[in-house]
Amino acid sequence: MTNLPILDEAEVLVALDRGRVLPALETAFAGLVNGRSVQPAQTVTVFPDGRGDCIFYPGALLDLGLIGVKVSPYLSDRSDAGLSPVTAYTLLLSASTGEPLLLCDSYALTTIRTAATTALAVQHLSRSDAKSLAVVGSGKVAREHLRFVVGLREWNDLRVYSPRAAGSPERQELVGRVVPEQSQLSFSPSARSAVEGADVVLLCTSSGSPVIERPWVAESALVTSISTNSPGAHEIEPASLGSYDVYCDYRATAPVTAGEMTIAVEAGEWSHDRIVADLAELATGFVPKEWTRPRFFRSTGLGIEDLAIAHLLVA
């Protein structure tokens, strides 16, 4: 067995070429259609006595010759000790030999793959003449979303809403570092004022309940959502799903993972067969029909996303 490269978070961020991330994800999603990518459902192991849980994100990318898994525990003991309760590590193995190729801290990679997956959706589902972009949230995930999305369209109106953004380090990080100073970046006083009239709305929060209302959304807009892995978590009203053309990262897993979808299905207000397309279909040529309603894209996080990006770190 060869020596297994082990990269910590700082080494990952130095080594990763963000310019290669979107093409790597596109290849991974295309493989879901041609059978060269395999994406099982994520598995959650809940610990007794409310001490946390662990989510396993497995997958195989045969076009890249690898199999692997991301393991992401939430540990109450770490929280009690004043540490972040969440850690994440990705293990890659050769699909031909079974030998390990890489073990890396994937806490930062998770943020990057989440934002990059949303960027793929914006690339495929937003109007080519989109000019106005709204972001709800200002934390690391929101900032990473802006890094990937800001160059996809010729935005002339960038709006950010977050209760903690004004005068905060997040604001300083956004202006000049994430977004060029000359860009028309503004901080909205409310979620409604940010969302109304925007061509693309990126929901980048860890909220478990709605952060926007359907009447705020323009009829030609794209709304993207990530939410969290907490049971039932959602950033839009589940009852509003029927008023959107719905897209997702992977139709085989999203309806049983995304909170707004599971709630709407249980209430009889929506059905998973109303998903128009997923990223696998979009990556292999599916072209959305002329839109007359807003589009809603839901990302839930997939193992193949983690593996595709971690593969970029393999020497």
C-alpha atoms as a PDB file:
ATOM      1  CA  MET A   1       0.000   0.000   0.000  1.00  0.00           C
ATOM      2  CA  THR A   2       1.296   3.459  -0.875  1.00  0.00           C
ATOM      3  CA  ASN A   3       1.453   6.218   1.708  1.00  0.00           C
ATOM      4  CA  LEU A   4      -1.992   7.784   2.010  1.00  0.00           C
ATOM      5  CA  PRO A   5      -1.987  11.572   1.483  1.00  0.00           C
ATOM      6  CA  ILE A   6      -3.817  13.299   4.333  1.00  0.00           C
ATOM      7  CA  LEU A   7      -4.741  16.953   3.874  1.00  0.00           C
ATOM      8  CA  ASP A   8      -6.070  19.275   6.555  1.00  0.00           C
ATOM      9  CA  GLU A   9      -8.414  22.177   5.850  1.00  0.00           C
ATOM     10  CA  ALA A  10      -5.664  24.727   5.205  1.00  0.00           C
ATOM     11  CA  GLU A  11      -3.854  22.399   2.799  1.00  0.00           C
ATOM     12  CA  VAL A  12      -7.112  21.694   0.971  1.00  0.00           C
ATOM     13  CA  LEU A  13      -7.821  25.376   0.420  1.00  0.00           C
ATOM     14  CA  VAL A  14      -4.309  26.010  -0.883  1.00  0.00           C
ATOM     15  CA  ALA A  15      -4.341  23.016  -3.232  1.00  0.00           C
ATOM     16  CA  LEU A  16      -7.836  23.377  -4.706  1.00  0.00           C
ATOM     17  CA  ASP A  17      -8.168  25.051  -8.109  1.00  0.00           C
ATOM     18  CA  ARG A  18     -11.667  26.564  -8.034  1.00  0.00           C
ATOM     19  CA  GLY A  19     -11.564  26.983 -11.807  1.00  0.00           C
ATOM     20  CA  ARG A  20     -11.797  23.203 -12.205  1.00  0.00           C
ATOM     21  CA  VAL A  21     -14.706  22.697  -9.807  1.00  0.00           C
ATOM     22  CA  LEU A  22     -17.701  23.348 -12.098  1.00  0.00           C
ATOM     23  CA  PRO A  23     -16.419  21.100 -14.934  1.00  0.00           C
ATOM     24  CA  ALA A  24     -15.729  18.328 -12.397  1.00  0.00           C
ATOM     25  CA  LEU A  25     -19.265  18.566 -11.050  1.00  0.00           C
ATOM     26  CA  GLU A  26     -20.732  18.619 -14.558  1.00  0.00           C
ATOM     27  CA  THR A  27     -18.895  15.368 -15.355  1.00  0.00           C
ATOM     28  CA  ALA A  28     -20.095  13.761 -12.123  1.00  0.00           C
ATOM     29  CA  PHE A  29     -23.729  14.652 -12.811  1.00  0.00           C
ATOM     30  CA  ALA A  30     -23.535  13.561 -16.445  1.00  0.00           C
ATOM     31  CA  GLY A  31     -22.374  10.175 -15.175  1.00  0.00           C
ATOM     32  CA  LEU A  32     -25.697   9.683 -13.400  1.00  0.00           C
ATOM     33  CA  VAL A  33     -27.338   9.519 -16.826  1.00  0.00           C
ATOM     34  CA  ASN A  34     -24.788   7.313 -18.612  1.00  0.00           C
ATOM     35  CA  GLY A  35     -24.339   5.002 -15.626  1.00  0.00           C
ATOM     36  CA  ARG A  36     -20.755   5.974 -14.854  1.00  0.00           C
ATOM     37  CA  SER A  37     -21.691   7.714 -11.592  1.00  0.00           C
ATOM     38  CA  VAL A  38     -23.492   5.916  -8.781  1.00  0.00           C
ATOM     39  CA  GLN A  39     -25.291   7.904  -6.104  1.00  0.00           C
ATOM     40  CA  PRO A  40     -26.912   6.029  -3.211  1.00  0.00           C
ATOM     41  CA  ALA A  41     -29.018   7.929  -0.719  1.00  0.00           C
ATOM     42  CA  GLN A  42     -27.209   9.525   2.197  1.00  0.00           C
ATOM     43  CA  THR A  43     -27.419   7.619   5.472  1.00  0.00           C
ATOM     44  CA  VAL A  44     -27.951   9.216   8.874  1.00  0.00           C
ATOM     45  CA  THR A  45     -26.902   7.487  12.093  1.00  0.00           C
ATOM     46  CA  VAL A  46     -28.506   9.099  15.142  1.00  0.00           C
ATOM     47  CA  PHE A  47     -26.659   8.766  18.440  1.00  0.00           C
ATOM     48  CA  PRO A  48     -28.502   7.956  21.684  1.00  0.00           C
ATOM     49  CA  ASP A  49     -29.364  10.528  24.350  1.00  0.00           C
ATOM     50  CA  GLY A  50     -29.365  13.399  21.855  1.00  0.00           C
ATOM     51  CA  ARG A  51     -25.586  13.383  21.592  1.00  0.00           C
ATOM     52  CA  GLY A  52     -25.582  14.030  17.854  1.00  0.00           C
ATOM     53  CA  ASP A  53     -25.581  12.133  14.599  1.00  0.00           C
ATOM     54  CA  CYS A  54     -23.422  11.253  11.624  1.00  0.00           C
ATOM     55  CA  ILE A  55     -24.277  11.582   7.932  1.00  0.00           C
ATOM     56  CA  PHE A  56     -22.584   9.341   5.361  1.00  0.00           C
ATOM     57  CA  TYR A  57     -22.419  10.548   1.734  1.00  0.00           C
ATOM     58  CA  PRO A  58     -21.261   7.601  -0.436  1.00  0.00           C
ATOM     59  CA  GLY A  59     -20.738   7.509  -4.185  1.00  0.00           C
ATOM     60  CA  ALA A  60     -18.763   6.186  -7.126  1.00  0.00           C
ATOM     61  CA  LEU A  61     -17.343   8.068 -10.112  1.00  0.00           C
ATOM     62  CA  LEU A  62     -16.162   5.417 -12.545  1.00  0.00           C
ATOM     63  CA  ASP A  63     -15.156   7.976 -15.187  1.00  0.00           C
ATOM     64  CA  LEU A  64     -12.655   9.238 -12.612  1.00  0.00           C
ATOM     65  CA  GLY A  65     -11.780   5.731 -11.432  1.00  0.00           C
ATOM     66  CA  LEU A  66     -12.758   6.235  -7.829  1.00  0.00           C
ATOM     67  CA  ILE A  67     -15.188   5.346  -5.097  1.00  0.00           C
ATOM     68  CA  GLY A  68     -15.496   7.019  -1.753  1.00  0.00           C
ATOM     69  CA  VAL A  69     -17.495   8.495   1.068  1.00  0.00           C
ATOM     70  CA  LYS A  70     -17.748  11.710   3.027  1.00  0.00           C
ATOM     71  CA  VAL A  71     -18.383  11.216   6.739  1.00  0.00           C
ATOM     72  CA  SER A  72     -19.813  14.201   8.587  1.00  0.00           C
ATOM     73  CA  PRO A  73     -20.653  13.847  12.291  1.00  0.00           C
ATOM     74  CA  TYR A  74     -22.476  16.359  14.482  1.00  0.00           C
ATOM     75  CA  LEU A  75     -21.117  15.822  17.990  1.00  0.00           C
ATOM     76  CA  SER A  76     -22.709  17.458  21.010  1.00  0.00           C
ATOM     77  CA  ASP A  77     -19.576  16.747  23.045  1.00  0.00           C
ATOM     78  CA  ARG A  78     -17.606  19.072  20.765  1.00  0.00           C
ATOM     79  CA  SER A  79     -20.245  21.754  21.168  1.00  0.00           C
ATOM     80  CA  ASP A  80     -20.115  21.373  24.967  1.00  0.00           C
ATOM     81  CA  ALA A  81     -16.335  21.876  24.736  1.00  0.00           C
ATOM     82  CA  GLY A  82     -16.784  25.138  22.823  1.00  0.00           C
ATOM     83  CA  LEU A  83     -15.812  23.645  19.452  1.00  0.00           C
ATOM     84  CA  SER A  84     -17.751  23.492  16.216  1.00  0.00           C
ATOM     85  CA  PRO A  85     -19.994  20.416  16.546  1.00  0.00           C
ATOM     86  CA  VAL A  86     -19.597  19.511  12.869  1.00  0.00           C
ATOM     87  CA  THR A  87     -16.577  17.899  11.241  1.00  0.00           C
ATOM     88  CA  ALA A  88     -16.296  16.291   7.802  1.00  0.00           C
ATOM     89  CA  TYR A  89     -13.747  14.032   6.113  1.00  0.00           C
ATOM     90  CA  THR A  90     -13.698  12.508   2.639  1.00  0.00           C
ATOM     91  CA  LEU A  91     -11.988   9.224   1.794  1.00  0.00           C
ATOM     92  CA  LEU A  92     -11.218   8.338  -1.840  1.00  0.00           C
ATOM     93  CA  LEU A  93     -10.303   4.849  -3.053  1.00  0.00           C
ATOM     94  CA  SER A  94      -9.284   3.555  -6.458  1.00  0.00           C
ATOM     95  CA  ALA A  95     -12.182   1.850  -8.244  1.00  0.00           C
ATOM     96  CA  SER A  96      -9.713  -0.532  -9.913  1.00  0.00           C
ATOM     97  CA  THR A  97      -7.483  -1.565  -7.006  1.00  0.00           C
ATOM     98  CA  GLY A  98      -9.510  -0.633  -3.929  1.00  0.00           C
ATOM     99  CA  GLU A  99      -6.454   1.129  -2.497  1.00  0.00           C
ATOM    100  CA  PRO A 100      -6.938   4.458  -0.682  1.00  0.00           C
ATOM    101  CA  LEU A 101      -5.974   7.542  -2.675  1.00  0.00           C
ATOM    102  CA  LEU A 102      -6.685  10.454  -0.343  1.00  0.00           C
ATOM    103  CA  LEU A 103      -8.101  11.389   3.043  1.00  0.00           C
ATOM    104  CA  CYS A 104      -8.916  15.044   3.415  1.00  0.00           C
ATOM    105  CA  ASP A 105     -10.716  17.401   5.720  1.00  0.00           C
ATOM    106  CA  SER A 106     -13.817  18.270   3.735  1.00  0.00           C
ATOM    107  CA  TYR A 107     -15.367  20.895   5.993  1.00  0.00           C
ATOM    108  CA  ALA A 108     -14.283  23.659   3.596  1.00  0.00           C
ATOM    109  CA  LEU A 109     -14.943  21.440   0.571  1.00  0.00           C
ATOM    110  CA  THR A 110     -18.555  21.033   1.704  1.00  0.00           C
ATOM    111  CA  THR A 111     -19.061  24.780   1.542  1.00  0.00           C
ATOM    112  CA  ILE A 112     -17.395  24.922  -1.872  1.00  0.00           C
ATOM    113  CA  ARG A 113     -19.335  22.006  -3.368  1.00  0.00           C
ATOM    114  CA  THR A 114     -22.619  23.420  -2.033  1.00  0.00           C
ATOM    115  CA  ALA A 115     -21.973  26.770  -3.689  1.00  0.00           C
ATOM    116  CA  ALA A 116     -20.668  25.240  -6.912  1.00  0.00           C
ATOM    117  CA  THR A 117     -23.720  22.993  -7.256  1.00  0.00           C
ATOM    118  CA  THR A 118     -25.940  26.051  -6.925  1.00  0.00           C
ATOM    119  CA  ALA A 119     -23.793  27.804  -9.533  1.00  0.00           C
ATOM    120  CA  LEU A 120     -24.414  24.934 -11.977  1.00  0.00           C
ATOM    121  CA  ALA A 121     -28.133  25.413 -11.443  1.00  0.00           C
ATOM    122  CA  VAL A 122     -27.829  29.162 -12.051  1.00  0.00           C
ATOM    123  CA  GLN A 123     -25.842  28.442 -15.209  1.00  0.00           C
ATOM    124  CA  HIS A 124     -28.584  26.167 -16.566  1.00  0.00           C
ATOM    125  CA  LEU A 125     -31.765  27.694 -15.144  1.00  0.00           C
ATOM    126  CA  SER A 126     -31.368  31.470 -14.985  1.00  0.00           C
ATOM    127  CA  ARG A 127     -32.253  33.697 -17.900  1.00  0.00           C
ATOM    128  CA  SER A 128     -29.272  34.646 -20.054  1.00  0.00           C
ATOM    129  CA  ASP A 129     -30.192  38.308 -19.623  1.00  0.00           C
ATOM    130  CA  ALA A 130     -30.489  38.103 -15.821  1.00  0.00           C
ATOM    131  CA  LYS A 131     -29.178  41.299 -14.241  1.00  0.00           C
ATOM    132  CA  SER A 132     -30.388  41.338 -10.644  1.00  0.00           C
ATOM    133  CA  LEU A 133     -29.055  38.890  -8.024  1.00  0.00           C
ATOM    134  CA  ALA A 134     -30.309  38.639  -4.438  1.00  0.00           C
ATOM    135  CA  VAL A 135     -28.578  36.656  -1.692  1.00  0.00           C
ATOM    136  CA  VAL A 136     -30.274  35.874   1.610  1.00  0.00           C
ATOM    137  CA  GLY A 137     -27.504  35.133   4.089  1.00  0.00           C
ATOM    138  CA  SER A 138     -23.988  36.497   4.555  1.00  0.00           C
ATOM    139  CA  GLY A 139     -21.997  33.691   6.168  1.00  0.00           C
ATOM    140  CA  LYS A 140     -19.323  31.472   4.624  1.00  0.00           C
ATOM    141  CA  VAL A 141     -21.819  29.592   2.463  1.00  0.00           C
ATOM    142  CA  ALA A 142     -23.351  32.805   1.110  1.00  0.00           C
ATOM    143  CA  ARG A 143     -19.937  34.289   0.363  1.00  0.00           C
ATOM    144  CA  GLU A 144     -18.853  31.133  -1.466  1.00  0.00           C
ATOM    145  CA  HIS A 145     -22.074  31.232  -3.493  1.00  0.00           C
ATOM    146  CA  LEU A 146     -21.246  34.749  -4.609  1.00  0.00           C
ATOM    147  CA  ARG A 147     -17.701  33.722  -5.583  1.00  0.00           C
ATOM    148  CA  PHE A 148     -19.060  31.110  -7.973  1.00  0.00           C
ATOM    149  CA  VAL A 149     -22.125  32.946  -9.276  1.00  0.00           C
ATOM    150  CA  VAL A 150     -20.842  36.492  -9.696  1.00  0.00           C
ATOM    151  CA  GLY A 151     -19.117  35.699 -13.012  1.00  0.00           C
ATOM    152  CA  LEU A 152     -21.972  33.725 -14.585  1.00  0.00           C
ATOM    153  CA  ARG A 153     -24.059  36.696 -15.715  1.00  0.00           C
ATOM    154  CA  GLU A 154     -23.534  40.416 -16.251  1.00  0.00           C
ATOM    155  CA  TRP A 155     -25.090  41.448 -12.966  1.00  0.00           C
ATOM    156  CA  ASN A 156     -25.670  45.158 -12.455  1.00  0.00           C
ATOM    157  CA  ASP A 157     -27.616  44.801  -9.203  1.00  0.00           C
ATOM    158  CA  LEU A 158     -26.314  42.643  -6.355  1.00  0.00           C
ATOM    159  CA  ARG A 159     -28.338  42.664  -3.146  1.00  0.00           C
ATOM    160  CA  VAL A 160     -27.563  40.946   0.145  1.00  0.00           C
ATOM    161  CA  TYR A 161     -29.840  40.565   3.117  1.00  0.00           C
ATOM    162  CA  SER A 162     -28.763  39.213   6.474  1.00  0.00           C
ATOM    163  CA  PRO A 163     -29.772  40.445   9.924  1.00  0.00           C
ATOM    164  CA  ARG A 164     -26.096  40.441  10.942  1.00  0.00           C
ATOM    165  CA  ALA A 165     -24.533  41.779   7.729  1.00  0.00           C
ATOM    166  CA  ALA A 166     -24.595  45.526   8.298  1.00  0.00           C
ATOM    167  CA  GLY A 167     -21.281  46.740   9.710  1.00  0.00           C
ATOM    168  CA  SER A 168     -20.082  43.189  10.273  1.00  0.00           C
ATOM    169  CA  PRO A 169     -16.974  41.233   9.202  1.00  0.00           C
ATOM    170  CA  GLU A 170     -19.227  39.485   6.668  1.00  0.00           C
ATOM    171  CA  ARG A 171     -19.883  42.840   5.000  1.00  0.00           C
ATOM    172  CA  GLN A 172     -16.177  43.667   4.864  1.00  0.00           C
ATOM    173  CA  GLU A 173     -15.475  40.219   3.416  1.00  0.00           C
ATOM    174  CA  LEU A 174     -18.090  40.670   0.679  1.00  0.00           C
ATOM    175  CA  VAL A 175     -17.089  44.136  -0.491  1.00  0.00           C
ATOM    176  CA  GLY A 176     -13.760  44.120  -2.283  1.00  0.00           C
ATOM    177  CA  ARG A 177     -12.795  40.490  -1.648  1.00  0.00           C
ATOM    178  CA  VAL A 178     -15.723  38.352  -2.841  1.00  0.00           C
ATOM    179  CA  VAL A 179     -17.303  40.989  -5.066  1.00  0.00           C
ATOM    180  CA  PRO A 180     -15.284  43.701  -6.869  1.00  0.00           C
ATOM    181  CA  GLU A 181     -15.712  47.080  -5.253  1.00  0.00           C
ATOM    182  CA  GLN A 182     -17.055  48.585  -8.460  1.00  0.00           C
ATOM    183  CA  SER A 183     -19.965  46.145  -8.514  1.00  0.00           C
ATOM    184  CA  GLN A 184     -23.315  47.526  -7.477  1.00  0.00           C
ATOM    185  CA  LEU A 185     -23.494  45.640  -4.202  1.00  0.00           C
ATOM    186  CA  SER A 186     -26.059  46.807  -1.692  1.00  0.00           C
ATOM    187  CA  PHE A 187     -27.291  45.558   1.669  1.00  0.00           C
ATOM    188  CA  SER A 188     -31.065  45.367   1.880  1.00  0.00           C
ATOM    189  CA  PRO A 189     -32.933  46.216   5.092  1.00  0.00           C
ATOM    190  CA  SER A 190     -35.220  43.183   4.745  1.00  0.00           C
ATOM    191  CA  ALA A 191     -35.471  39.873   2.935  1.00  0.00           C
ATOM    192  CA  ARG A 192     -38.471  41.176   1.051  1.00  0.00           C
ATOM    193  CA  SER A 193     -36.664  44.247  -0.280  1.00  0.00           C
ATOM    194  CA  ALA A 194     -33.789  42.039  -1.435  1.00  0.00           C
ATOM    195  CA  VAL A 195     -35.976  39.470  -3.181  1.00  0.00           C
ATOM    196  CA  GLU A 196     -38.612  41.614  -4.873  1.00  0.00           C
ATOM    197  CA  GLY A 197     -37.763  42.154  -8.541  1.00  0.00           C
ATOM    198  CA  ALA A 198     -34.610  40.001  -8.465  1.00  0.00           C
ATOM    199  CA  ASP A 199     -33.920  37.705 -11.428  1.00  0.00           C
ATOM    200  CA  VAL A 200     -32.057  35.167  -9.269  1.00  0.00           C
ATOM    201  CA  VAL A 201     -32.509  34.611  -5.536  1.00  0.00           C
ATOM    202  CA  LEU A 202     -29.929  32.530  -3.642  1.00  0.00           C
ATOM    203  CA  LEU A 203     -31.125  31.298  -0.247  1.00  0.00           C
ATOM    204  CA  CYS A 204     -27.965  30.586   1.720  1.00  0.00           C
ATOM    205  CA  THR A 205     -29.078  30.135   5.304  1.00  0.00           C
ATOM    206  CA  SER A 206     -29.121  27.376   7.899  1.00  0.00           C
ATOM    207  CA  SER A 207     -32.742  28.134   8.682  1.00  0.00           C
ATOM    208  CA  GLY A 208     -35.171  25.321   9.333  1.00  0.00           C
ATOM    209  CA  SER A 209     -38.181  27.499   8.461  1.00  0.00           C
ATOM    210  CA  PRO A 210     -39.101  29.791   5.527  1.00  0.00           C
ATOM    211  CA  VAL A 211     -37.000  32.911   5.022  1.00  0.00           C
ATOM    212  CA  ILE A 212     -38.952  34.308   2.039  1.00  0.00           C
ATOM    213  CA  GLU A 213     -42.587  34.412   0.925  1.00  0.00           C
ATOM    214  CA  ARG A 214     -43.844  33.378  -2.500  1.00  0.00           C
ATOM    215  CA  PRO A 215     -45.538  36.744  -3.338  1.00  0.00           C
ATOM    216  CA  TRP A 216     -42.125  38.423  -3.166  1.00  0.00           C
ATOM    217  CA  VAL A 217     -40.736  36.308  -6.028  1.00  0.00           C
ATOM    218  CA  ALA A 218     -40.894  37.627  -9.604  1.00  0.00           C
ATOM    219  CA  GLU A 219     -42.632  35.339 -12.091  1.00  0.00           C
ATOM    220  CA  SER A 220     -39.481  34.985 -14.214  1.00  0.00           C
ATOM    221  CA  ALA A 221     -37.107  34.459 -11.265  1.00  0.00           C
ATOM    222  CA  LEU A 222     -34.955  31.509 -10.241  1.00  0.00           C
ATOM    223  CA  VAL A 223     -34.866  30.696  -6.522  1.00  0.00           C
ATOM    224  CA  THR A 224     -32.197  28.315  -5.191  1.00  0.00           C
ATOM    225  CA  SER A 225     -32.192  26.728  -1.757  1.00  0.00           C
ATOM    226  CA  ILE A 226     -29.759  24.685   0.346  1.00  0.00           C
ATOM    227  CA  SER A 227     -31.262  24.764   3.880  1.00  0.00           C
ATOM    228  CA  THR A 228     -29.779  22.203   6.304  1.00  0.00           C
ATOM    229  CA  ASN A 229     -29.885  18.489   7.005  1.00  0.00           C
ATOM    230  CA  SER A 230     -32.062  18.973  10.075  1.00  0.00           C
ATOM    231  CA  PRO A 231     -35.269  16.927   9.726  1.00  0.00           C
ATOM    232  CA  GLY A 232     -37.893  18.902   7.820  1.00  0.00           C
ATOM    233  CA  ALA A 233     -35.698  21.990   7.357  1.00  0.00           C
ATOM    234  CA  HIS A 234     -36.786  24.316   4.543  1.00  0.00           C
ATOM    235  CA  GLU A 235     -36.248  27.895   3.330  1.00  0.00           C
ATOM    236  CA  ILE A 236     -39.530  28.309   1.408  1.00  0.00           C
ATOM    237  CA  GLU A 237     -43.103  27.461   2.355  1.00  0.00           C
ATOM    238  CA  PRO A 238     -43.791  23.812   1.453  1.00  0.00           C
ATOM    239  CA  ALA A 239     -47.280  24.802   0.307  1.00  0.00           C
ATOM    240  CA  SER A 240     -45.757  27.120  -2.314  1.00  0.00           C
ATOM    241  CA  LEU A 241     -43.969  24.317  -4.216  1.00  0.00           C
ATOM    242  CA  GLY A 242     -46.905  23.890  -6.562  1.00  0.00           C
ATOM    243  CA  SER A 243     -46.482  27.450  -7.810  1.00  0.00           C
ATOM    244  CA  TYR A 244     -42.909  26.827  -8.996  1.00  0.00           C
ATOM    245  CA  ASP A 245     -41.331  24.769 -11.768  1.00  0.00           C
ATOM    246  CA  VAL A 246     -39.246  22.561  -9.484  1.00  0.00           C
ATOM    247  CA  TYR A 247     -35.705  21.332 -10.174  1.00  0.00           C
ATOM    248  CA  CYS A 248     -33.221  19.556  -7.899  1.00  0.00           C
ATOM    249  CA  ASP A 249     -29.714  18.122  -7.774  1.00  0.00           C
ATOM    250  CA  TYR A 250     -30.891  14.497  -8.085  1.00  0.00           C
ATOM    251  CA  ARG A 251     -34.523  13.449  -8.404  1.00  0.00           C
ATOM    252  CA  ALA A 252     -33.868   9.977  -6.923  1.00  0.00           C
ATOM    253  CA  THR A 253     -32.865  11.390  -3.535  1.00  0.00           C
ATOM    254  CA  ALA A 254     -34.078  15.010  -3.171  1.00  0.00           C
ATOM    255  CA  PRO A 255     -37.781  14.219  -2.522  1.00  0.00           C
ATOM    256  CA  VAL A 256     -36.903  12.133   0.543  1.00  0.00           C
ATOM    257  CA  THR A 257     -34.247  14.545   1.836  1.00  0.00           C
ATOM    258  CA  ALA A 258     -35.491  18.092   1.187  1.00  0.00           C
ATOM    259  CA  GLY A 259     -37.737  19.275   4.011  1.00  0.00           C
ATOM    260  CA  GLU A 260     -40.169  21.337   1.955  1.00  0.00           C
ATOM    261  CA  MET A 261     -40.669  18.406  -0.433  1.00  0.00           C
ATOM    262  CA  THR A 262     -41.330  15.792   2.239  1.00  0.00           C
ATOM    263  CA  ILE A 263     -43.733  18.114   4.070  1.00  0.00           C
ATOM    264  CA  ALA A 264     -45.620  19.027   0.880  1.00  0.00           C
ATOM    265  CA  VAL A 265     -45.882  15.368  -0.157  1.00  0.00           C
ATOM    266  CA  GLU A 266     -47.205  14.323   3.267  1.00  0.00           C
ATOM    267  CA  ALA A 267     -49.772  17.130   3.124  1.00  0.00           C
ATOM    268  CA  GLY A 268     -50.909  16.047  -0.343  1.00  0.00           C
ATOM    269  CA  GLU A 269     -49.966  19.462  -1.751  1.00  0.00           C
ATOM    270  CA  TRP A 270     -47.268  18.303  -4.158  1.00  0.00           C
ATOM    271  CA  SER A 271     -45.830  15.157  -5.747  1.00  0.00           C
ATOM    272  CA  HIS A 272     -42.237  14.259  -6.583  1.00  0.00           C
ATOM    273  CA  ASP A 273     -43.231  13.443 -10.167  1.00  0.00           C
ATOM    274  CA  ARG A 274     -43.681  17.189 -10.668  1.00  0.00           C
ATOM    275  CA  ILE A 275     -39.903  17.723 -10.621  1.00  0.00           C
ATOM    276  CA  VAL A 276     -39.120  19.071 -14.094  1.00  0.00           C
ATOM    277  CA  ALA A 277     -35.478  17.945 -14.226  1.00  0.00           C
ATOM    278  CA  ASP A 278     -32.409  17.424 -12.094  1.00  0.00           C
ATOM    279  CA  LEU A 279     -28.791  18.449 -12.609  1.00  0.00           C
ATOM    280  CA  ALA A 280     -27.973  15.096 -14.180  1.00  0.00           C
ATOM    281  CA  GLU A 281     -30.514  15.780 -16.932  1.00  0.00           C
ATOM    282  CA  LEU A 282     -29.484  19.408 -17.291  1.00  0.00           C
ATOM    283  CA  ALA A 283     -25.828  18.369 -17.622  1.00  0.00           C
ATOM    284  CA  THR A 284     -26.681  16.044 -20.506  1.00  0.00           C
ATOM    285  CA  GLY A 285     -28.714  18.385 -22.652  1.00  0.00           C
ATOM    286  CA  PHE A 286     -32.146  18.845 -21.100  1.00  0.00           C
ATOM    287  CA  VAL A 287     -33.277  22.353 -21.976  1.00  0.00           C
ATOM    288  CA  PRO A 288     -35.935  23.935 -19.747  1.00  0.00           C
ATOM    289  CA  LYS A 289     -39.107  24.966 -21.520  1.00  0.00           C
ATOM    290  CA  GLU A 290     -39.874  28.637 -21.930  1.00  0.00           C
ATOM    291  CA  TRP A 291     -40.610  29.632 -18.388  1.00  0.00           C
ATOM    292  CA  THR A 292     -43.878  31.272 -17.450  1.00  0.00           C
ATOM    293  CA  ARG A 293     -43.512  30.579 -13.735  1.00  0.00           C
ATOM    294  CA  PRO A 294     -40.612  31.015 -11.325  1.00  0.00           C
ATOM    295  CA  ARG A 295     -38.133  28.148 -11.050  1.00  0.00           C
ATOM    296  CA  PHE A 296     -37.137  26.608  -7.731  1.00  0.00           C
ATOM    297  CA  PHE A 297     -33.916  24.622  -7.449  1.00  0.00           C
ATOM    298  CA  ARG A 298     -33.242  22.511  -4.363  1.00  0.00           C
ATOM    299  CA  SER A 299     -29.778  21.238  -3.509  1.00  0.00           C
ATOM    300  CA  THR A 300     -29.518  18.539  -0.839  1.00  0.00           C
ATOM    301  CA  GLY A 301     -25.843  17.558  -1.008  1.00  0.00           C
ATOM    302  CA  LEU A 302     -24.585  14.431  -2.754  1.00  0.00           C
ATOM    303  CA  GLY A 303     -21.622  12.148  -2.260  1.00  0.00           C
ATOM    304  CA  ILE A 304     -20.592  12.431  -5.901  1.00  0.00           C
ATOM    305  CA  GLU A 305     -20.217  16.189  -5.462  1.00  0.00           C
ATOM    306  CA  ASP A 306     -17.793  15.689  -2.578  1.00  0.00           C
ATOM    307  CA  LEU A 307     -15.879  13.007  -4.452  1.00  0.00           C
ATOM    308  CA  ALA A 308     -15.616  15.010  -7.687  1.00  0.00           C
ATOM    309  CA  ILE A 309     -14.083  17.988  -5.911  1.00  0.00           C
ATOM    310  CA  ALA A 310     -11.848  15.932  -3.609  1.00  0.00           C
ATOM    311  CA  HIS A 311     -10.542  14.183  -6.745  1.00  0.00           C
ATOM    312  CA  LEU A 312      -9.073  17.526  -7.836  1.00  0.00           C
ATOM    313  CA  LEU A 313      -6.714  17.224  -4.868  1.00  0.00           C
ATOM    314  CA  VAL A 314      -5.265  13.861  -5.891  1.00  0.00           C
ATOM    315  CA  ALA A 315      -1.743  14.356  -7.186  1.00  0.00           C
END
